[in-house]
Amino acid sequence: LGDITITGGIESDADTLEKIVQEVSA
């Protein structure tokens, strides 16, 4: 997270901590 003007998001279905951990691992 940074300024809303420079922070890019990624397409993702990770809506829980468990899914985020799985996503980051790959």
mmCIF file of all heavy atoms, coordinates in Angstrom:
data_MODEL
# 
_entry.id   MODEL 
# 
loop_
_atom_site.group_PDB 
_atom_site.id 
_atom_site.type_symbol 
_atom_site.label_atom_id 
_atom_site.label_alt_id 
_atom_site.label_comp_id 
_atom_site.label_asym_id 
_atom_site.label_entity_id 
_atom_site.label_seq_id 
_atom_site.pdbx_PDB_ins_code 
_atom_site.Cartn_x 
_atom_site.Cartn_y 
_atom_site.Cartn_z 
_atom_site.occupancy 
_atom_site.B_iso_or_equiv 
_atom_site.pdbx_formal_charge 
_atom_site.auth_seq_id 
_atom_site.auth_comp_id 
_atom_site.auth_asym_id 
_atom_site.auth_atom_id 
_atom_site.pdbx_PDB_model_num 
ATOM 1   N N   . LEU A 1 1  ? 0.827   -1.199  0.000   1.00 0.00 ? 1  LEU A N   1 
ATOM 2   C CA  . LEU A 1 1  ? 0.000   0.000   0.000   1.00 0.00 ? 1  LEU A CA  1 
ATOM 3   C C   . LEU A 1 1  ? 0.863   1.252   0.000   1.00 0.00 ? 1  LEU A C   1 
ATOM 4   O O   . LEU A 1 1  ? 1.812   1.376   0.763   1.00 0.00 ? 1  LEU A O   1 
ATOM 5   C CB  . LEU A 1 1  ? -0.912  0.028   1.236   1.00 0.00 ? 1  LEU A CB  1 
ATOM 6   C CG  . LEU A 1 1  ? -1.916  -1.115  1.375   1.00 0.00 ? 1  LEU A CG  1 
ATOM 7   C CD1 . LEU A 1 1  ? -2.801  -0.891  2.595   1.00 0.00 ? 1  LEU A CD1 1 
ATOM 8   C CD2 . LEU A 1 1  ? -2.770  -1.265  0.123   1.00 0.00 ? 1  LEU A CD2 1 
ATOM 9   N N   . GLY A 1 2  ? 0.520   2.180   -0.880  1.00 0.00 ? 2  GLY A N   1 
ATOM 10  C CA  . GLY A 1 2  ? 1.149   3.491   -0.923  1.00 0.00 ? 2  GLY A CA  1 
ATOM 11  C C   . GLY A 1 2  ? 0.080   4.494   -1.296  1.00 0.00 ? 2  GLY A C   1 
ATOM 12  O O   . GLY A 1 2  ? -1.095  4.309   -0.976  1.00 0.00 ? 2  GLY A O   1 
ATOM 13  N N   . ASP A 1 3  ? 0.465   5.557   -1.969  1.00 0.00 ? 3  ASP A N   1 
ATOM 14  C CA  . ASP A 1 3  ? -0.531  6.504   -2.469  1.00 0.00 ? 3  ASP A CA  1 
ATOM 15  C C   . ASP A 1 3  ? -1.497  5.797   -3.404  1.00 0.00 ? 3  ASP A C   1 
ATOM 16  O O   . ASP A 1 3  ? -1.100  4.907   -4.177  1.00 0.00 ? 3  ASP A O   1 
ATOM 17  C CB  . ASP A 1 3  ? 0.163   7.628   -3.236  1.00 0.00 ? 3  ASP A CB  1 
ATOM 18  C CG  . ASP A 1 3  ? 0.464   8.808   -2.327  1.00 0.00 ? 3  ASP A CG  1 
ATOM 19  O OD1 . ASP A 1 3  ? 0.346   8.640   -1.102  1.00 0.00 ? 3  ASP A OD1 1 
ATOM 20  O OD2 . ASP A 1 3  ? 0.823   9.873   -2.840  1.00 0.00 ? 3  ASP A OD2 1 
ATOM 21  N N   . ILE A 1 4  ? -2.748  6.198   -3.374  1.00 0.00 ? 4  ILE A N   1 
ATOM 22  C CA  . ILE A 1 4  ? -3.760  5.596   -4.244  1.00 0.00 ? 4  ILE A CA  1 
ATOM 23  C C   . ILE A 1 4  ? -3.435  5.840   -5.714  1.00 0.00 ? 4  ILE A C   1 
ATOM 24  O O   . ILE A 1 4  ? -3.866  5.094   -6.597  1.00 0.00 ? 4  ILE A O   1 
ATOM 25  C CB  . ILE A 1 4  ? -5.159  6.148   -3.886  1.00 0.00 ? 4  ILE A CB  1 
ATOM 26  C CG1 . ILE A 1 4  ? -6.250  5.260   -4.480  1.00 0.00 ? 4  ILE A CG1 1 
ATOM 27  C CG2 . ILE A 1 4  ? -5.311  7.608   -4.317  1.00 0.00 ? 4  ILE A CG2 1 
ATOM 28  C CD1 . ILE A 1 4  ? -7.647  5.596   -3.970  1.00 0.00 ? 4  ILE A CD1 1 
ATOM 29  N N   . THR A 1 5  ? -2.619  6.864   -6.009  1.00 0.00 ? 5  THR A N   1 
ATOM 30  C CA  . THR A 1 5  ? -2.283  7.211   -7.392  1.00 0.00 ? 5  THR A CA  1 
ATOM 31  C C   . THR A 1 5  ? -1.198  6.332   -7.991  1.00 0.00 ? 5  THR A C   1 
ATOM 32  O O   . THR A 1 5  ? -1.027  6.303   -9.215  1.00 0.00 ? 5  THR A O   1 
ATOM 33  C CB  . THR A 1 5  ? -1.816  8.675   -7.467  1.00 0.00 ? 5  THR A CB  1 
ATOM 34  O OG1 . THR A 1 5  ? -0.673  8.837   -6.612  1.00 0.00 ? 5  THR A OG1 1 
ATOM 35  C CG2 . THR A 1 5  ? -2.907  9.621   -7.025  1.00 0.00 ? 5  THR A CG2 1 
ATOM 36  N N   . ILE A 1 6  ? -0.421  5.630   -7.153  1.00 0.00 ? 6  ILE A N   1 
ATOM 37  C CA  . ILE A 1 6  ? 0.726   4.870   -7.658  1.00 0.00 ? 6  ILE A CA  1 
ATOM 38  C C   . ILE A 1 6  ? 0.690   3.396   -7.296  1.00 0.00 ? 6  ILE A C   1 
ATOM 39  O O   . ILE A 1 6  ? 1.540   2.627   -7.725  1.00 0.00 ? 6  ILE A O   1 
ATOM 40  C CB  . ILE A 1 6  ? 2.056   5.457   -7.128  1.00 0.00 ? 6  ILE A CB  1 
ATOM 41  C CG1 . ILE A 1 6  ? 2.081   5.406   -5.592  1.00 0.00 ? 6  ILE A CG1 1 
ATOM 42  C CG2 . ILE A 1 6  ? 2.282   6.867   -7.636  1.00 0.00 ? 6  ILE A CG2 1 
ATOM 43  C CD1 . ILE A 1 6  ? 3.407   5.784   -4.979  1.00 0.00 ? 6  ILE A CD1 1 
ATOM 44  N N   . THR A 1 7  ? -0.294  2.979   -6.510  1.00 0.00 ? 7  THR A N   1 
ATOM 45  C CA  . THR A 1 7  ? -0.339  1.600   -6.031  1.00 0.00 ? 7  THR A CA  1 
ATOM 46  C C   . THR A 1 7  ? -1.175  0.740   -6.957  1.00 0.00 ? 7  THR A C   1 
ATOM 47  O O   . THR A 1 7  ? -2.392  0.919   -7.054  1.00 0.00 ? 7  THR A O   1 
ATOM 48  C CB  . THR A 1 7  ? -0.907  1.539   -4.602  1.00 0.00 ? 7  THR A CB  1 
ATOM 49  O OG1 . THR A 1 7  ? -0.129  2.379   -3.752  1.00 0.00 ? 7  THR A OG1 1 
ATOM 50  C CG2 . THR A 1 7  ? -0.857  0.118   -4.070  1.00 0.00 ? 7  THR A CG2 1 
ATOM 51  N N   . GLY A 1 8  ? -0.516  -0.175  -7.645  1.00 0.00 ? 8  GLY A N   1 
ATOM 52  C CA  . GLY A 1 8  ? -1.203  -1.059  -8.570  1.00 0.00 ? 8  GLY A CA  1 
ATOM 53  C C   . GLY A 1 8  ? -1.687  -2.325  -7.894  1.00 0.00 ? 8  GLY A C   1 
ATOM 54  O O   . GLY A 1 8  ? -1.009  -2.883  -7.028  1.00 0.00 ? 8  GLY A O   1 
ATOM 55  N N   . GLY A 1 9  ? -2.871  -2.765  -8.295  1.00 0.00 ? 9  GLY A N   1 
ATOM 56  C CA  . GLY A 1 9  ? -3.414  -4.006  -7.764  1.00 0.00 ? 9  GLY A CA  1 
ATOM 57  C C   . GLY A 1 9  ? -3.208  -5.158  -8.732  1.00 0.00 ? 9  GLY A C   1 
ATOM 58  O O   . GLY A 1 9  ? -2.812  -4.973  -9.880  1.00 0.00 ? 9  GLY A O   1 
ATOM 59  N N   . ILE A 1 10 ? -3.475  -6.353  -8.245  1.00 0.00 ? 10 ILE A N   1 
ATOM 60  C CA  . ILE A 1 10 ? -3.390  -7.552  -9.078  1.00 0.00 ? 10 ILE A CA  1 
ATOM 61  C C   . ILE A 1 10 ? -4.752  -8.237  -9.086  1.00 0.00 ? 10 ILE A C   1 
ATOM 62  O O   . ILE A 1 10 ? -5.484  -8.192  -8.092  1.00 0.00 ? 10 ILE A O   1 
ATOM 63  C CB  . ILE A 1 10 ? -2.308  -8.533  -8.574  1.00 0.00 ? 10 ILE A CB  1 
ATOM 64  C CG1 . ILE A 1 10 ? -2.614  -8.991  -7.138  1.00 0.00 ? 10 ILE A CG1 1 
ATOM 65  C CG2 . ILE A 1 10 ? -0.924  -7.905  -8.656  1.00 0.00 ? 10 ILE A CG2 1 
ATOM 66  C CD1 . ILE A 1 10 ? -1.724  -10.119 -6.641  1.00 0.00 ? 10 ILE A CD1 1 
ATOM 67  N N   . GLU A 1 11 ? -5.090  -8.852  -10.199 1.00 0.00 ? 11 GLU A N   1 
ATOM 68  C CA  . GLU A 1 11 ? -6.324  -9.642  -10.235 1.00 0.00 ? 11 GLU A CA  1 
ATOM 69  C C   . GLU A 1 11 ? -6.158  -10.846 -9.333  1.00 0.00 ? 11 GLU A C   1 
ATOM 70  O O   . GLU A 1 11 ? -5.157  -11.562 -9.398  1.00 0.00 ? 11 GLU A O   1 
ATOM 71  C CB  . GLU A 1 11 ? -6.638  -10.069 -11.660 1.00 0.00 ? 11 GLU A CB  1 
ATOM 72  C CG  . GLU A 1 11 ? -7.021  -8.916  -12.579 1.00 0.00 ? 11 GLU A CG  1 
ATOM 73  C CD  . GLU A 1 11 ? -7.537  -9.394  -13.920 1.00 0.00 ? 11 GLU A CD  1 
ATOM 74  O OE1 . GLU A 1 11 ? -8.664  -9.942  -13.949 1.00 0.00 ? 11 GLU A OE1 1 
ATOM 75  O OE2 . GLU A 1 11 ? -6.812  -9.234  -14.909 1.00 0.00 ? 11 GLU A OE2 1 
ATOM 76  N N   . SER A 1 12 ? -7.155  -11.077 -8.484  1.00 0.00 ? 12 SER A N   1 
ATOM 77  C CA  . SER A 1 12 ? -7.004  -12.113 -7.477  1.00 0.00 ? 12 SER A CA  1 
ATOM 78  C C   . SER A 1 12 ? -8.355  -12.540 -6.929  1.00 0.00 ? 12 SER A C   1 
ATOM 79  O O   . SER A 1 12 ? -9.329  -11.773 -6.955  1.00 0.00 ? 12 SER A O   1 
ATOM 80  C CB  . SER A 1 12 ? -6.130  -11.592 -6.322  1.00 0.00 ? 12 SER A CB  1 
ATOM 81  O OG  . SER A 1 12 ? -6.090  -12.501 -5.247  1.00 0.00 ? 12 SER A OG  1 
ATOM 82  N N   . ASP A 1 13 ? -8.420  -13.773 -6.446  1.00 0.00 ? 13 ASP A N   1 
ATOM 83  C CA  . ASP A 1 13 ? -9.587  -14.277 -5.723  1.00 0.00 ? 13 ASP A CA  1 
ATOM 84  C C   . ASP A 1 13 ? -9.262  -14.519 -4.251  1.00 0.00 ? 13 ASP A C   1 
ATOM 85  O O   . ASP A 1 13 ? -10.063 -15.101 -3.517  1.00 0.00 ? 13 ASP A O   1 
ATOM 86  C CB  . ASP A 1 13 ? -10.075 -15.590 -6.347  1.00 0.00 ? 13 ASP A CB  1 
ATOM 87  C CG  . ASP A 1 13 ? -10.681 -15.381 -7.728  1.00 0.00 ? 13 ASP A CG  1 
ATOM 88  O OD1 . ASP A 1 13 ? -11.457 -14.418 -7.888  1.00 0.00 ? 13 ASP A OD1 1 
ATOM 89  O OD2 . ASP A 1 13 ? -10.362 -16.164 -8.640  1.00 0.00 ? 13 ASP A OD2 1 
ATOM 90  N N   . ALA A 1 14 ? -8.074  -14.064 -3.825  1.00 0.00 ? 14 ALA A N   1 
ATOM 91  C CA  . ALA A 1 14 ? -7.619  -14.320 -2.459  1.00 0.00 ? 14 ALA A CA  1 
ATOM 92  C C   . ALA A 1 14 ? -8.317  -13.372 -1.485  1.00 0.00 ? 14 ALA A C   1 
ATOM 93  O O   . ALA A 1 14 ? -7.892  -12.236 -1.291  1.00 0.00 ? 14 ALA A O   1 
ATOM 94  C CB  . ALA A 1 14 ? -6.099  -14.158 -2.369  1.00 0.00 ? 14 ALA A CB  1 
ATOM 95  N N   . ASP A 1 15 ? -9.387  -13.848 -0.871  1.00 0.00 ? 15 ASP A N   1 
ATOM 96  C CA  . ASP A 1 15 ? -10.162 -13.013 0.051   1.00 0.00 ? 15 ASP A CA  1 
ATOM 97  C C   . ASP A 1 15 ? -10.065 -13.476 1.498   1.00 0.00 ? 15 ASP A C   1 
ATOM 98  O O   . ASP A 1 15 ? -10.817 -13.028 2.364   1.00 0.00 ? 15 ASP A O   1 
ATOM 99  C CB  . ASP A 1 15 ? -11.625 -12.950 -0.386  1.00 0.00 ? 15 ASP A CB  1 
ATOM 100 C CG  . ASP A 1 15 ? -12.246 -14.341 -0.570  1.00 0.00 ? 15 ASP A CG  1 
ATOM 101 O OD1 . ASP A 1 15 ? -11.572 -15.348 -0.266  1.00 0.00 ? 15 ASP A OD1 1 
ATOM 102 O OD2 . ASP A 1 15 ? -13.407 -14.405 -1.024  1.00 0.00 ? 15 ASP A OD2 1 
ATOM 103 N N   . THR A 1 16 ? -9.128  -14.389 1.772   1.00 0.00 ? 16 THR A N   1 
ATOM 104 C CA  . THR A 1 16 ? -8.850  -14.821 3.141   1.00 0.00 ? 16 THR A CA  1 
ATOM 105 C C   . THR A 1 16 ? -7.334  -14.886 3.324   1.00 0.00 ? 16 THR A C   1 
ATOM 106 O O   . THR A 1 16 ? -6.586  -14.926 2.339   1.00 0.00 ? 16 THR A O   1 
ATOM 107 C CB  . THR A 1 16 ? -9.442  -16.211 3.442   1.00 0.00 ? 16 THR A CB  1 
ATOM 108 O OG1 . THR A 1 16 ? -8.766  -17.196 2.637   1.00 0.00 ? 16 THR A OG1 1 
ATOM 109 C CG2 . THR A 1 16 ? -10.935 -16.252 3.154   1.00 0.00 ? 16 THR A CG2 1 
ATOM 110 N N   . LEU A 1 17 ? -6.881  -14.907 4.576   1.00 0.00 ? 17 LEU A N   1 
ATOM 111 C CA  . LEU A 1 17 ? -5.448  -14.999 4.834   1.00 0.00 ? 17 LEU A CA  1 
ATOM 112 C C   . LEU A 1 17 ? -4.876  -16.300 4.290   1.00 0.00 ? 17 LEU A C   1 
ATOM 113 O O   . LEU A 1 17 ? -3.753  -16.331 3.775   1.00 0.00 ? 17 LEU A O   1 
ATOM 114 C CB  . LEU A 1 17 ? -5.172  -14.888 6.343   1.00 0.00 ? 17 LEU A CB  1 
ATOM 115 C CG  . LEU A 1 17 ? -5.359  -13.494 6.959   1.00 0.00 ? 17 LEU A CG  1 
ATOM 116 C CD1 . LEU A 1 17 ? -5.187  -13.564 8.475   1.00 0.00 ? 17 LEU A CD1 1 
ATOM 117 C CD2 . LEU A 1 17 ? -4.371  -12.504 6.364   1.00 0.00 ? 17 LEU A CD2 1 
ATOM 118 N N   . GLU A 1 18 ? -5.649  -17.385 4.400   1.00 0.00 ? 18 GLU A N   1 
ATOM 119 C CA  . GLU A 1 18 ? -5.176  -18.673 3.892   1.00 0.00 ? 18 GLU A CA  1 
ATOM 120 C C   . GLU A 1 18 ? -4.934  -18.602 2.382   1.00 0.00 ? 18 GLU A C   1 
ATOM 121 O O   . GLU A 1 18 ? -3.918  -19.092 1.873   1.00 0.00 ? 18 GLU A O   1 
ATOM 122 C CB  . GLU A 1 18 ? -6.202  -19.776 4.206   1.00 0.00 ? 18 GLU A CB  1 
ATOM 123 C CG  . GLU A 1 18 ? -6.303  -20.157 5.676   1.00 0.00 ? 18 GLU A CG  1 
ATOM 124 C CD  . GLU A 1 18 ? -7.093  -19.155 6.510   1.00 0.00 ? 18 GLU A CD  1 
ATOM 125 O OE1 . GLU A 1 18 ? -7.725  -18.244 5.907   1.00 0.00 ? 18 GLU A OE1 1 
ATOM 126 O OE2 . GLU A 1 18 ? -7.071  -19.269 7.745   1.00 0.00 ? 18 GLU A OE2 1 
ATOM 127 N N   . LYS A 1 19 ? -5.849  -17.970 1.656   1.00 0.00 ? 19 LYS A N   1 
ATOM 128 C CA  . LYS A 1 19 ? -5.703  -17.852 0.204   1.00 0.00 ? 19 LYS A CA  1 
ATOM 129 C C   . LYS A 1 19 ? -4.558  -16.918 -0.165  1.00 0.00 ? 19 LYS A C   1 
ATOM 130 O O   . LYS A 1 19 ? -3.866  -17.134 -1.159  1.00 0.00 ? 19 LYS A O   1 
ATOM 131 C CB  . LYS A 1 19 ? -7.013  -17.362 -0.413  1.00 0.00 ? 19 LYS A CB  1 
ATOM 132 C CG  . LYS A 1 19 ? -8.147  -18.383 -0.372  1.00 0.00 ? 19 LYS A CG  1 
ATOM 133 C CD  . LYS A 1 19 ? -9.415  -17.817 -1.007  1.00 0.00 ? 19 LYS A CD  1 
ATOM 134 C CE  . LYS A 1 19 ? -10.561 -18.815 -0.952  1.00 0.00 ? 19 LYS A CE  1 
ATOM 135 N NZ  . LYS A 1 19 ? -11.810 -18.247 -1.531  1.00 0.00 ? 19 LYS A NZ  1 
ATOM 136 N N   . ILE A 1 20 ? -4.350  -15.860 0.623   1.00 0.00 ? 20 ILE A N   1 
ATOM 137 C CA  . ILE A 1 20 ? -3.242  -14.947 0.356   1.00 0.00 ? 20 ILE A CA  1 
ATOM 138 C C   . ILE A 1 20 ? -1.910  -15.672 0.503   1.00 0.00 ? 20 ILE A C   1 
ATOM 139 O O   . ILE A 1 20 ? -1.011  -15.534 -0.334  1.00 0.00 ? 20 ILE A O   1 
ATOM 140 C CB  . ILE A 1 20 ? -3.297  -13.719 1.293   1.00 0.00 ? 20 ILE A CB  1 
ATOM 141 C CG1 . ILE A 1 20 ? -4.469  -12.816 0.916   1.00 0.00 ? 20 ILE A CG1 1 
ATOM 142 C CG2 . ILE A 1 20 ? -1.980  -12.929 1.226   1.00 0.00 ? 20 ILE A CG2 1 
ATOM 143 C CD1 . ILE A 1 20 ? -4.674  -11.641 1.848   1.00 0.00 ? 20 ILE A CD1 1 
ATOM 144 N N   . VAL A 1 21 ? -1.775  -16.466 1.565   1.00 0.00 ? 21 VAL A N   1 
ATOM 145 C CA  . VAL A 1 21 ? -0.540  -17.233 1.777   1.00 0.00 ? 21 VAL A CA  1 
ATOM 146 C C   . VAL A 1 21 ? -0.282  -18.163 0.598   1.00 0.00 ? 21 VAL A C   1 
ATOM 147 O O   . VAL A 1 21 ? 0.841   -18.264 0.093   1.00 0.00 ? 21 VAL A O   1 
ATOM 148 C CB  . VAL A 1 21 ? -0.615  -18.031 3.099   1.00 0.00 ? 21 VAL A CB  1 
ATOM 149 C CG1 . VAL A 1 21 ? 0.535   -19.039 3.184   1.00 0.00 ? 21 VAL A CG1 1 
ATOM 150 C CG2 . VAL A 1 21 ? -0.571  -17.085 4.292   1.00 0.00 ? 21 VAL A CG2 1 
ATOM 151 N N   . GLN A 1 22 ? -1.322  -18.842 0.128   1.00 0.00 ? 22 GLN A N   1 
ATOM 152 C CA  . GLN A 1 22 ? -1.176  -19.742 -1.021  1.00 0.00 ? 22 GLN A CA  1 
ATOM 153 C C   . GLN A 1 22 ? -0.779  -18.963 -2.267  1.00 0.00 ? 22 GLN A C   1 
ATOM 154 O O   . GLN A 1 22 ? 0.092   -19.397 -3.042  1.00 0.00 ? 22 GLN A O   1 
ATOM 155 C CB  . GLN A 1 22 ? -2.484  -20.492 -1.258  1.00 0.00 ? 22 GLN A CB  1 
ATOM 156 C CG  . GLN A 1 22 ? -2.825  -21.508 -0.176  1.00 0.00 ? 22 GLN A CG  1 
ATOM 157 C CD  . GLN A 1 22 ? -4.168  -22.176 -0.418  1.00 0.00 ? 22 GLN A CD  1 
ATOM 158 O OE1 . GLN A 1 22 ? -4.856  -21.878 -1.402  1.00 0.00 ? 22 GLN A OE1 1 
ATOM 159 N NE2 . GLN A 1 22 ? -4.555  -23.059 0.483   1.00 0.00 ? 22 GLN A NE2 1 
ATOM 160 N N   . GLU A 1 23 ? -1.385  -17.809 -2.484  1.00 0.00 ? 23 GLU A N   1 
ATOM 161 C CA  . GLU A 1 23 ? -1.105  -17.009 -3.667  1.00 0.00 ? 23 GLU A CA  1 
ATOM 162 C C   . GLU A 1 23 ? 0.330   -16.479 -3.647  1.00 0.00 ? 23 GLU A C   1 
ATOM 163 O O   . GLU A 1 23 ? 1.048   -16.556 -4.647  1.00 0.00 ? 23 GLU A O   1 
ATOM 164 C CB  . GLU A 1 23 ? -2.089  -15.841 -3.747  1.00 0.00 ? 23 GLU A CB  1 
ATOM 165 C CG  . GLU A 1 23 ? -1.946  -14.993 -5.004  1.00 0.00 ? 23 GLU A CG  1 
ATOM 166 C CD  . GLU A 1 23 ? -2.971  -13.887 -5.051  1.00 0.00 ? 23 GLU A CD  1 
ATOM 167 O OE1 . GLU A 1 23 ? -2.751  -12.852 -4.370  1.00 0.00 ? 23 GLU A OE1 1 
ATOM 168 O OE2 . GLU A 1 23 ? -3.993  -14.041 -5.755  1.00 0.00 ? 23 GLU A OE2 1 
ATOM 169 N N   . VAL A 1 24 ? 0.757   -15.955 -2.513  1.00 0.00 ? 24 VAL A N   1 
ATOM 170 C CA  . VAL A 1 24 ? 2.105   -15.389 -2.392  1.00 0.00 ? 24 VAL A CA  1 
ATOM 171 C C   . VAL A 1 24 ? 3.167   -16.472 -2.595  1.00 0.00 ? 24 VAL A C   1 
ATOM 172 O O   . VAL A 1 24 ? 4.220   -16.223 -3.180  1.00 0.00 ? 24 VAL A O   1 
ATOM 173 C CB  . VAL A 1 24 ? 2.294   -14.698 -1.024  1.00 0.00 ? 24 VAL A CB  1 
ATOM 174 C CG1 . VAL A 1 24 ? 3.759   -14.308 -0.793  1.00 0.00 ? 24 VAL A CG1 1 
ATOM 175 C CG2 . VAL A 1 24 ? 1.420   -13.453 -0.932  1.00 0.00 ? 24 VAL A CG2 1 
ATOM 176 N N   . SER A 1 25 ? 2.887   -17.682 -2.134  1.00 0.00 ? 25 SER A N   1 
ATOM 177 C CA  . SER A 1 25 ? 3.862   -18.769 -2.259  1.00 0.00 ? 25 SER A CA  1 
ATOM 178 C C   . SER A 1 25 ? 4.167   -19.100 -3.718  1.00 0.00 ? 25 SER A C   1 
ATOM 179 O O   . SER A 1 25 ? 5.231   -19.648 -4.031  1.00 0.00 ? 25 SER A O   1 
ATOM 180 C CB  . SER A 1 25 ? 3.352   -20.022 -1.541  1.00 0.00 ? 25 SER A CB  1 
ATOM 181 O OG  . SER A 1 25 ? 2.226   -20.569 -2.207  1.00 0.00 ? 25 SER A OG  1 
ATOM 182 N N   . ALA A 1 26 ? 3.240   -18.762 -4.615  1.00 0.00 ? 26 ALA A N   1 
ATOM 183 C CA  . ALA A 1 26 ? 3.436   -19.059 -6.042  1.00 0.00 ? 26 ALA A CA  1 
ATOM 184 C C   . ALA A 1 26 ? 3.905   -17.844 -6.837  1.00 0.00 ? 26 ALA A C   1 
ATOM 185 O O   . ALA A 1 26 ? 4.152   -17.946 -8.035  1.00 0.00 ? 26 ALA A O   1 
ATOM 186 C CB  . ALA A 1 26 ? 2.133   -19.590 -6.634  1.00 0.00 ? 26 ALA A CB  1 
# 
